Amino acid sequence: MKVVIIEDEAFAALRLKKMIQDYNPDIKIVAELESVAESVKWFKSNPEPDLIFLDIHLEDDLSFAIFEQVNISSPVIFTTAFDEYAIKAFKLKSIDYLLKPIVHEELASALKKYEQFSGLHQNTIDLQSLYNLLTTNEKKYRERFSISIGTKIKMVEVTDIAYFFVMDKGVYLRTSQGNTFNIDFTLDKLEEMLNPASFFRINRKYLINIASISNMVAYSRGRVKLELKPKADDEFETIVSIDRSGEFKKWLNN
């Protein structure tokens, strides 16, 4: 089987590739693509694969834009960070999906489904309906995250998250109870998924929930130093950057 992975998160793509090869070493990953533009270029010059793993949000556009520029009949397994409202639509349209973070059991189930029904899904993907659903004017924000802890999965409600932060090239969330978990999304991606009324990116390393702010102190050059609850590992990293200070003050007032 020849497979293409379209995913703009390097860690998520690497993890998915390893899980596919753990499931079956004979599966050949013929391409790992990161954007709509790169994917269109690849499909125009290469034969179609047997199966595509497709992330919804890519760095330059929604991945549905690929299908607007090139005809592709390969079956698709979506790798998505969207909540239940979208997953129900995927089910109704008979589209396989994997909710991030992907776990081995769900990947194996999706691949077995592909093996059993290979060729039957090619004409069932109503991409326009899904595009309309995912680009509706009524913005839907993430309500919870599933966290992989070894072989177990833990659900964390967004309302229980105090902040997200970058540490040692990884991204972590910290709950209001002080628990810390690694997460598969970049801060840029998390900004798109979370309600901006509650969450704000204060600098390159922190994305905070307004409820986590315990104190604010005026700092040099018009910046604001925040004290968070639970306490951040390094409070000098919770200073609102100069280029975000104006927007931060507007956000507080909203």
C-alpha atoms as a PDB file:
ATOM      1  CA  MET A   1       0.000   0.000   0.000  1.00  0.00           C
ATOM      2  CA  LYS A   2       1.274   3.474  -0.922  1.00  0.00           C
ATOM      3  CA  VAL A   3       0.327   6.304   1.423  1.00  0.00           C
ATOM      4  CA  VAL A   4       0.647  10.101   1.387  1.00  0.00           C
ATOM      5  CA  ILE A   5       0.638  12.115   4.618  1.00  0.00           C
ATOM      6  CA  ILE A   6      -0.479  15.757   4.359  1.00  0.00           C
ATOM      7  CA  GLU A   7       0.258  17.415   7.699  1.00  0.00           C
ATOM      8  CA  ASP A   8       1.903  20.735   8.567  1.00  0.00           C
ATOM      9  CA  GLU A   9       2.872  19.810  12.126  1.00  0.00           C
ATOM     10  CA  ALA A  10       6.287  18.128  11.880  1.00  0.00           C
ATOM     11  CA  PHE A  11       5.939  16.245  15.160  1.00  0.00           C
ATOM     12  CA  ALA A  12       2.421  15.040  14.332  1.00  0.00           C
ATOM     13  CA  ALA A  13       3.567  13.869  10.867  1.00  0.00           C
ATOM     14  CA  LEU A  14       6.541  12.003  12.332  1.00  0.00           C
ATOM     15  CA  ARG A  15       4.345  10.383  14.977  1.00  0.00           C
ATOM     16  CA  LEU A  16       1.733   9.347  12.429  1.00  0.00           C
ATOM     17  CA  LYS A  17       4.393   7.904  10.108  1.00  0.00           C
ATOM     18  CA  LYS A  18       5.865   5.805  12.919  1.00  0.00           C
ATOM     19  CA  MET A  19       2.439   4.530  13.966  1.00  0.00           C
ATOM     20  CA  ILE A  20       1.573   3.537  10.381  1.00  0.00           C
ATOM     21  CA  GLN A  21       4.840   1.640  10.004  1.00  0.00           C
ATOM     22  CA  ASP A  22       4.374  -0.008  13.399  1.00  0.00           C
ATOM     23  CA  TYR A  23       0.982  -1.213  12.179  1.00  0.00           C
ATOM     24  CA  ASN A  24       2.419  -2.588   8.943  1.00  0.00           C
ATOM     25  CA  PRO A  25       6.078  -2.137   7.913  1.00  0.00           C
ATOM     26  CA  ASP A  26       5.124  -2.946   4.309  1.00  0.00           C
ATOM     27  CA  ILE A  27       3.105   0.279   3.993  1.00  0.00           C
ATOM     28  CA  LYS A  28       5.170   2.723   1.959  1.00  0.00           C
ATOM     29  CA  ILE A  29       4.992   6.439   2.760  1.00  0.00           C
ATOM     30  CA  VAL A  30       5.589   7.912  -0.695  1.00  0.00           C
ATOM     31  CA  ALA A  31       5.273  11.584   0.305  1.00  0.00           C
ATOM     32  CA  GLU A  32       5.007  13.811   3.378  1.00  0.00           C
ATOM     33  CA  LEU A  33       3.498  17.170   2.393  1.00  0.00           C
ATOM     34  CA  GLU A  34       2.995  20.282   4.523  1.00  0.00           C
ATOM     35  CA  SER A  35       0.893  22.739   2.521  1.00  0.00           C
ATOM     36  CA  VAL A  36      -1.806  23.091  -0.111  1.00  0.00           C
ATOM     37  CA  ALA A  37       0.708  24.450  -2.644  1.00  0.00           C
ATOM     38  CA  GLU A  38       3.179  21.623  -2.063  1.00  0.00           C
ATOM     39  CA  SER A  39       0.404  19.016  -2.243  1.00  0.00           C
ATOM     40  CA  VAL A  40      -1.037  20.365  -5.506  1.00  0.00           C
ATOM     41  CA  LYS A  41       2.413  20.356  -7.082  1.00  0.00           C
ATOM     42  CA  TRP A  42       3.059  16.784  -5.931  1.00  0.00           C
ATOM     43  CA  PHE A  43      -0.278  15.370  -7.144  1.00  0.00           C
ATOM     44  CA  LYS A  44       0.131  17.012 -10.535  1.00  0.00           C
ATOM     45  CA  SER A  45       3.405  15.193 -11.141  1.00  0.00           C
ATOM     46  CA  ASN A  46       2.941  11.862  -9.347  1.00  0.00           C
ATOM     47  CA  PRO A  47       0.516   8.922  -9.546  1.00  0.00           C
ATOM     48  CA  GLU A  48      -2.191   8.850  -6.904  1.00  0.00           C
ATOM     49  CA  PRO A  49      -1.494   6.842  -3.732  1.00  0.00           C
ATOM     50  CA  ASP A  50      -3.737   4.126  -2.365  1.00  0.00           C
ATOM     51  CA  LEU A  51      -4.631   6.212   0.672  1.00  0.00           C
ATOM     52  CA  ILE A  52      -4.226   9.806   1.932  1.00  0.00           C
ATOM     53  CA  PHE A  53      -3.942  10.943   5.549  1.00  0.00           C
ATOM     54  CA  LEU A  54      -5.159  14.534   5.446  1.00  0.00           C
ATOM     55  CA  ASP A  55      -5.047  17.268   8.081  1.00  0.00           C
ATOM     56  CA  ILE A  56      -7.825  19.858   7.747  1.00  0.00           C
ATOM     57  CA  HIS A  57      -5.886  23.037   8.570  1.00  0.00           C
ATOM     58  CA  LEU A  58      -2.617  23.434   6.661  1.00  0.00           C
ATOM     59  CA  GLU A  59      -0.143  26.293   6.894  1.00  0.00           C
ATOM     60  CA  ASP A  60      -1.465  28.117   3.823  1.00  0.00           C
ATOM     61  CA  ASP A  61      -5.182  27.165   3.640  1.00  0.00           C
ATOM     62  CA  LEU A  62      -7.818  24.555   4.422  1.00  0.00           C
ATOM     63  CA  SER A  63      -6.760  21.289   2.811  1.00  0.00           C
ATOM     64  CA  PHE A  64      -9.978  21.206   0.758  1.00  0.00           C
ATOM     65  CA  ALA A  65      -8.313  23.761  -1.514  1.00  0.00           C
ATOM     66  CA  ILE A  66      -6.135  20.911  -2.838  1.00  0.00           C
ATOM     67  CA  PHE A  67      -9.176  19.238  -4.397  1.00  0.00           C
ATOM     68  CA  GLU A  68     -10.215  22.488  -6.059  1.00  0.00           C
ATOM     69  CA  GLN A  69      -6.975  22.525  -8.044  1.00  0.00           C
ATOM     70  CA  VAL A  70      -6.376  18.867  -8.858  1.00  0.00           C
ATOM     71  CA  ASN A  71      -8.617  15.826  -9.311  1.00  0.00           C
ATOM     72  CA  ILE A  72      -7.921  13.172  -6.673  1.00  0.00           C
ATOM     73  CA  SER A  73      -9.894   9.960  -6.297  1.00  0.00           C
ATOM     74  CA  SER A  74      -7.836   8.309  -3.548  1.00  0.00           C
ATOM     75  CA  PRO A  75      -9.734   7.550  -0.334  1.00  0.00           C
ATOM     76  CA  VAL A  76      -9.003   9.880   2.563  1.00  0.00           C
ATOM     77  CA  ILE A  77      -8.581   9.429   6.303  1.00  0.00           C
ATOM     78  CA  PHE A  78      -8.857  12.804   8.007  1.00  0.00           C
ATOM     79  CA  THR A  79      -6.565  13.658  10.893  1.00  0.00           C
ATOM     80  CA  THR A  80      -8.461  16.397  12.634  1.00  0.00           C
ATOM     81  CA  ALA A  81      -8.460  18.581  15.713  1.00  0.00           C
ATOM     82  CA  PHE A  82     -12.126  19.514  15.274  1.00  0.00           C
ATOM     83  CA  ASP A  83     -14.744  18.812  17.902  1.00  0.00           C
ATOM     84  CA  GLU A  84     -17.744  16.483  17.874  1.00  0.00           C
ATOM     85  CA  TYR A  85     -19.921  18.582  15.559  1.00  0.00           C
ATOM     86  CA  ALA A  86     -17.522  17.936  12.683  1.00  0.00           C
ATOM     87  CA  ILE A  87     -16.874  14.319  13.615  1.00  0.00           C
ATOM     88  CA  LYS A  88     -20.603  13.586  13.338  1.00  0.00           C
ATOM     89  CA  ALA A  89     -20.555  15.008   9.812  1.00  0.00           C
ATOM     90  CA  PHE A  90     -17.548  12.867   8.899  1.00  0.00           C
ATOM     91  CA  LYS A  91     -19.442   9.791  10.080  1.00  0.00           C
ATOM     92  CA  LEU A  92     -22.559  10.685   8.116  1.00  0.00           C
ATOM     93  CA  LYS A  93     -20.458  11.148   4.987  1.00  0.00           C
ATOM     94  CA  SER A  94     -18.777   7.749   5.550  1.00  0.00           C
ATOM     95  CA  ILE A  95     -15.360   9.351   5.902  1.00  0.00           C
ATOM     96  CA  ASP A  96     -12.748   7.819   8.176  1.00  0.00           C
ATOM     97  CA  TYR A  97     -11.203  10.211  10.660  1.00  0.00           C
ATOM     98  CA  LEU A  98      -8.649  10.237  13.473  1.00  0.00           C
ATOM     99  CA  LEU A  99      -9.024  12.767  16.275  1.00  0.00           C
ATOM    100  CA  LYS A 100      -5.702  14.215  17.418  1.00  0.00           C
ATOM    101  CA  PRO A 101      -3.728  13.141  19.327  1.00  0.00           C
ATOM    102  CA  ILE A 102      -3.920   9.928  17.344  1.00  0.00           C
ATOM    103  CA  VAL A 103      -3.692   6.668  19.295  1.00  0.00           C
ATOM    104  CA  HIS A 104      -2.577   3.298  17.943  1.00  0.00           C
ATOM    105  CA  GLU A 105      -5.932   1.566  18.401  1.00  0.00           C
ATOM    106  CA  GLU A 106      -7.854   4.173  16.387  1.00  0.00           C
ATOM    107  CA  LEU A 107      -5.249   4.205  13.625  1.00  0.00           C
ATOM    108  CA  ALA A 108      -5.388   0.421  13.375  1.00  0.00           C
ATOM    109  CA  SER A 109      -9.190   0.511  13.228  1.00  0.00           C
ATOM    110  CA  ALA A 110      -9.167   3.101  10.425  1.00  0.00           C
ATOM    111  CA  LEU A 111      -6.600   1.149   8.384  1.00  0.00           C
ATOM    112  CA  LYS A 112      -8.564  -2.084   8.835  1.00  0.00           C
ATOM    113  CA  LYS A 113     -11.688  -0.284   7.642  1.00  0.00           C
ATOM    114  CA  TYR A 114      -9.779   0.905   4.570  1.00  0.00           C
ATOM    115  CA  GLU A 115      -8.525  -2.629   3.896  1.00  0.00           C
ATOM    116  CA  GLN A 116     -12.040  -4.070   4.166  1.00  0.00           C
ATOM    117  CA  PHE A 117     -13.728  -1.450   2.016  1.00  0.00           C
ATOM    118  CA  SER A 118     -10.907  -0.391  -0.298  1.00  0.00           C
ATOM    119  CA  GLY A 119     -12.319   1.386  -3.307  1.00  0.00           C
ATOM    120  CA  LEU A 120     -15.793   1.906  -1.846  1.00  0.00           C
ATOM    121  CA  HIS A 121     -15.108   5.322  -0.328  1.00  0.00           C
ATOM    122  CA  GLN A 122     -13.778   6.998  -3.417  1.00  0.00           C
ATOM    123  CA  ASN A 123     -17.083   8.471  -4.501  1.00  0.00           C
ATOM    124  CA  THR A 124     -18.572   9.099  -1.049  1.00  0.00           C
ATOM    125  CA  ILE A 125     -16.499  12.096   0.015  1.00  0.00           C
ATOM    126  CA  ASP A 126     -18.714  15.175  -0.191  1.00  0.00           C
ATOM    127  CA  LEU A 127     -15.901  17.693   0.131  1.00  0.00           C
ATOM    128  CA  GLN A 128     -18.072  20.710  -0.624  1.00  0.00           C
ATOM    129  CA  SER A 129     -20.459  19.875   2.220  1.00  0.00           C
ATOM    130  CA  LEU A 130     -17.590  19.435   4.624  1.00  0.00           C
ATOM    131  CA  TYR A 131     -15.972  22.652   3.411  1.00  0.00           C
ATOM    132  CA  ASN A 132     -19.229  24.513   4.024  1.00  0.00           C
ATOM    133  CA  LEU A 133     -19.492  22.967   7.473  1.00  0.00           C
ATOM    134  CA  LEU A 134     -15.969  23.862   8.523  1.00  0.00           C
ATOM    135  CA  THR A 135     -16.040  27.408   7.131  1.00  0.00           C
ATOM    136  CA  THR A 136     -19.453  28.352   8.490  1.00  0.00           C
ATOM    137  CA  ASN A 137     -19.780  31.883   9.836  1.00  0.00           C
ATOM    138  CA  GLU A 138     -20.655  30.441  13.238  1.00  0.00           C
ATOM    139  CA  LYS A 139     -17.143  29.817  14.514  1.00  0.00           C
ATOM    140  CA  LYS A 140     -16.764  26.702  16.633  1.00  0.00           C
ATOM    141  CA  TYR A 141     -14.013  26.628  19.224  1.00  0.00           C
ATOM    142  CA  ARG A 142     -12.321  23.681  20.874  1.00  0.00           C
ATOM    143  CA  GLU A 143     -14.032  22.526  24.074  1.00  0.00           C
ATOM    144  CA  ARG A 144     -11.666  19.783  25.228  1.00  0.00           C
ATOM    145  CA  PHE A 145      -8.422  18.004  24.426  1.00  0.00           C
ATOM    146  CA  SER A 146      -7.654  14.299  24.588  1.00  0.00           C
ATOM    147  CA  ILE A 147      -4.206  13.709  26.067  1.00  0.00           C
ATOM    148  CA  SER A 148      -2.231  10.494  25.517  1.00  0.00           C
ATOM    149  CA  ILE A 149      -0.502   9.271  28.675  1.00  0.00           C
ATOM    150  CA  GLY A 150       1.231   6.050  27.686  1.00  0.00           C
ATOM    151  CA  THR A 151      -1.554   3.706  26.622  1.00  0.00           C
ATOM    152  CA  LYS A 152      -4.217   5.754  28.423  1.00  0.00           C
ATOM    153  CA  ILE A 153      -6.204   8.764  27.199  1.00  0.00           C
ATOM    154  CA  LYS A 154      -7.233  11.628  29.474  1.00  0.00           C
ATOM    155  CA  MET A 155      -9.813  14.269  28.598  1.00  0.00           C
ATOM    156  CA  VAL A 156      -9.021  17.846  29.643  1.00  0.00           C
ATOM    157  CA  GLU A 157     -11.742  20.487  29.389  1.00  0.00           C
ATOM    158  CA  VAL A 158     -10.588  23.818  27.929  1.00  0.00           C
ATOM    159  CA  THR A 159     -12.175  25.625  30.870  1.00  0.00           C
ATOM    160  CA  ASP A 160      -9.766  23.729  33.167  1.00  0.00           C
ATOM    161  CA  ILE A 161      -6.657  24.899  31.270  1.00  0.00           C
ATOM    162  CA  ALA A 162      -4.755  27.812  32.813  1.00  0.00           C
ATOM    163  CA  TYR A 163      -2.232  28.255  30.004  1.00  0.00           C
ATOM    164  CA  PHE A 164      -0.177  26.645  27.254  1.00  0.00           C
ATOM    165  CA  PHE A 165       3.588  27.100  27.078  1.00  0.00           C
ATOM    166  CA  VAL A 166       6.664  26.090  25.090  1.00  0.00           C
ATOM    167  CA  MET A 167       9.491  24.233  26.822  1.00  0.00           C
ATOM    168  CA  ASP A 168      12.410  22.247  25.348  1.00  0.00           C
ATOM    169  CA  LYS A 169      10.917  22.399  21.825  1.00  0.00           C
ATOM    170  CA  GLY A 170       7.659  20.868  23.060  1.00  0.00           C
ATOM    171  CA  VAL A 171       4.273  22.449  23.808  1.00  0.00           C
ATOM    172  CA  TYR A 172       2.534  21.798  27.120  1.00  0.00           C
ATOM    173  CA  LEU A 173      -0.703  22.724  28.836  1.00  0.00           C
ATOM    174  CA  ARG A 174      -1.053  23.361  32.550  1.00  0.00           C
ATOM    175  CA  THR A 175      -4.390  22.912  34.247  1.00  0.00           C
ATOM    176  CA  SER A 176      -5.802  25.119  36.975  1.00  0.00           C
ATOM    177  CA  GLN A 177      -4.997  22.239  39.366  1.00  0.00           C
ATOM    178  CA  GLY A 178      -1.307  22.434  38.401  1.00  0.00           C
ATOM    179  CA  ASN A 179      -1.099  19.311  36.241  1.00  0.00           C
ATOM    180  CA  THR A 180       1.124  19.555  33.148  1.00  0.00           C
ATOM    181  CA  PHE A 181       0.639  17.556  29.930  1.00  0.00           C
ATOM    182  CA  ASN A 182       2.424  17.491  26.587  1.00  0.00           C
ATOM    183  CA  ILE A 183       0.218  18.340  23.595  1.00  0.00           C
ATOM    184  CA  ASP A 184       0.684  17.808  19.845  1.00  0.00           C
ATOM    185  CA  PHE A 185      -0.213  21.336  18.677  1.00  0.00           C
ATOM    186  CA  THR A 186       1.886  24.449  18.180  1.00  0.00           C
ATOM    187  CA  LEU A 187       0.848  27.689  19.866  1.00  0.00           C
ATOM    188  CA  ASP A 188      -0.030  29.064  16.413  1.00  0.00           C
ATOM    189  CA  LYS A 189      -2.472  26.205  15.838  1.00  0.00           C
ATOM    190  CA  LEU A 190      -3.897  26.499  19.344  1.00  0.00           C
ATOM    191  CA  GLU A 191      -4.643  30.193  18.762  1.00  0.00           C
ATOM    192  CA  GLU A 192      -6.917  29.172  15.868  1.00  0.00           C
ATOM    193  CA  MET A 193      -8.703  26.520  17.935  1.00  0.00           C
ATOM    194  CA  LEU A 194      -9.417  28.470  21.127  1.00  0.00           C
ATOM    195  CA  ASN A 195     -11.949  31.211  21.861  1.00  0.00           C
ATOM    196  CA  PRO A 196     -10.055  34.539  21.685  1.00  0.00           C
ATOM    197  CA  ALA A 197     -12.374  35.977  24.336  1.00  0.00           C
ATOM    198  CA  SER A 198     -10.740  33.627  26.863  1.00  0.00           C
ATOM    199  CA  PHE A 199      -7.237  32.947  25.503  1.00  0.00           C
ATOM    200  CA  PHE A 200      -4.492  35.351  24.454  1.00  0.00           C
ATOM    201  CA  ARG A 201      -0.963  34.774  23.114  1.00  0.00           C
ATOM    202  CA  ILE A 202       1.175  37.073  25.287  1.00  0.00           C
ATOM    203  CA  ASN A 203       4.529  36.194  23.662  1.00  0.00           C
ATOM    204  CA  ARG A 204       6.352  33.449  21.750  1.00  0.00           C
ATOM    205  CA  LYS A 205       6.161  31.040  24.691  1.00  0.00           C
ATOM    206  CA  TYR A 206       2.816  31.540  26.440  1.00  0.00           C
ATOM    207  CA  LEU A 207      -0.853  31.365  25.472  1.00  0.00           C
ATOM    208  CA  ILE A 208      -2.918  32.131  28.566  1.00  0.00           C
ATOM    209  CA  ASN A 209      -6.462  31.830  29.823  1.00  0.00           C
ATOM    210  CA  ILE A 210      -7.705  35.150  31.221  1.00  0.00           C
ATOM    211  CA  ALA A 211      -8.833  33.257  34.330  1.00  0.00           C
ATOM    212  CA  SER A 212      -5.210  32.319  35.076  1.00  0.00           C
ATOM    213  CA  ILE A 213      -4.093  35.916  35.707  1.00  0.00           C
ATOM    214  CA  SER A 214      -3.614  36.517  39.453  1.00  0.00           C
ATOM    215  CA  ASN A 215      -1.719  39.804  39.255  1.00  0.00           C
ATOM    216  CA  MET A 216      -0.364  42.308  36.716  1.00  0.00           C
ATOM    217  CA  VAL A 217       2.564  44.687  37.144  1.00  0.00           C
ATOM    218  CA  ALA A 218       3.669  47.534  34.858  1.00  0.00           C
ATOM    219  CA  TYR A 219       7.027  46.664  33.330  1.00  0.00           C
ATOM    220  CA  SER A 220       9.656  48.478  31.268  1.00  0.00           C
ATOM    221  CA  ARG A 221       8.929  49.846  27.774  1.00  0.00           C
ATOM    222  CA  GLY A 222       5.158  49.702  28.200  1.00  0.00           C
ATOM    223  CA  ARG A 223       5.105  45.971  28.810  1.00  0.00           C
ATOM    224  CA  VAL A 224       3.076  44.095  31.436  1.00  0.00           C
ATOM    225  CA  LYS A 225       4.448  41.389  33.717  1.00  0.00           C
ATOM    226  CA  LEU A 226       1.889  38.738  34.640  1.00  0.00           C
ATOM    227  CA  GLU A 227       1.672  36.494  37.657  1.00  0.00           C
ATOM    228  CA  LEU A 228      -0.238  33.354  36.747  1.00  0.00           C
ATOM    229  CA  LYS A 229      -2.008  30.703  38.754  1.00  0.00           C
ATOM    230  CA  PRO A 230      -0.716  28.074  38.927  1.00  0.00           C
ATOM    231  CA  LYS A 231       2.683  29.768  39.045  1.00  0.00           C
ATOM    232  CA  ALA A 232       4.736  29.585  35.856  1.00  0.00           C
ATOM    233  CA  ASP A 233       8.122  27.853  36.012  1.00  0.00           C
ATOM    234  CA  ASP A 234       9.884  31.085  35.039  1.00  0.00           C
ATOM    235  CA  GLU A 235       7.834  34.208  35.713  1.00  0.00           C
ATOM    236  CA  PHE A 236      10.144  36.349  33.561  1.00  0.00           C
ATOM    237  CA  GLU A 237       8.757  34.423  30.587  1.00  0.00           C
ATOM    238  CA  THR A 238       5.218  35.641  31.353  1.00  0.00           C
ATOM    239  CA  ILE A 239       5.874  39.223  30.302  1.00  0.00           C
ATOM    240  CA  VAL A 240       3.594  40.478  27.524  1.00  0.00           C
ATOM    241  CA  SER A 241       5.824  41.272  24.545  1.00  0.00           C
ATOM    242  CA  ILE A 242       6.105  44.832  23.254  1.00  0.00           C
ATOM    243  CA  ASP A 243       4.335  44.085  19.974  1.00  0.00           C
ATOM    244  CA  ARG A 244       1.394  42.494  21.830  1.00  0.00           C
ATOM    245  CA  SER A 245       0.995  44.921  24.722  1.00  0.00           C
ATOM    246  CA  GLY A 246      -1.562  47.123  22.936  1.00  0.00           C
ATOM    247  CA  GLU A 247      -3.731  44.211  21.872  1.00  0.00           C
ATOM    248  CA  PHE A 248      -3.398  42.658  25.321  1.00  0.00           C
ATOM    249  CA  LYS A 249      -4.839  45.773  26.990  1.00  0.00           C
ATOM    250  CA  LYS A 250      -7.733  45.826  24.512  1.00  0.00           C
ATOM    251  CA  TRP A 251      -8.326  42.118  25.193  1.00  0.00           C
ATOM    252  CA  LEU A 252      -8.535  42.763  28.926  1.00  0.00           C
ATOM    253  CA  ASN A 253     -11.061  45.543  28.424  1.00  0.00           C
ATOM    254  CA  ASN A 254     -13.215  43.387  26.161  1.00  0.00           C
END
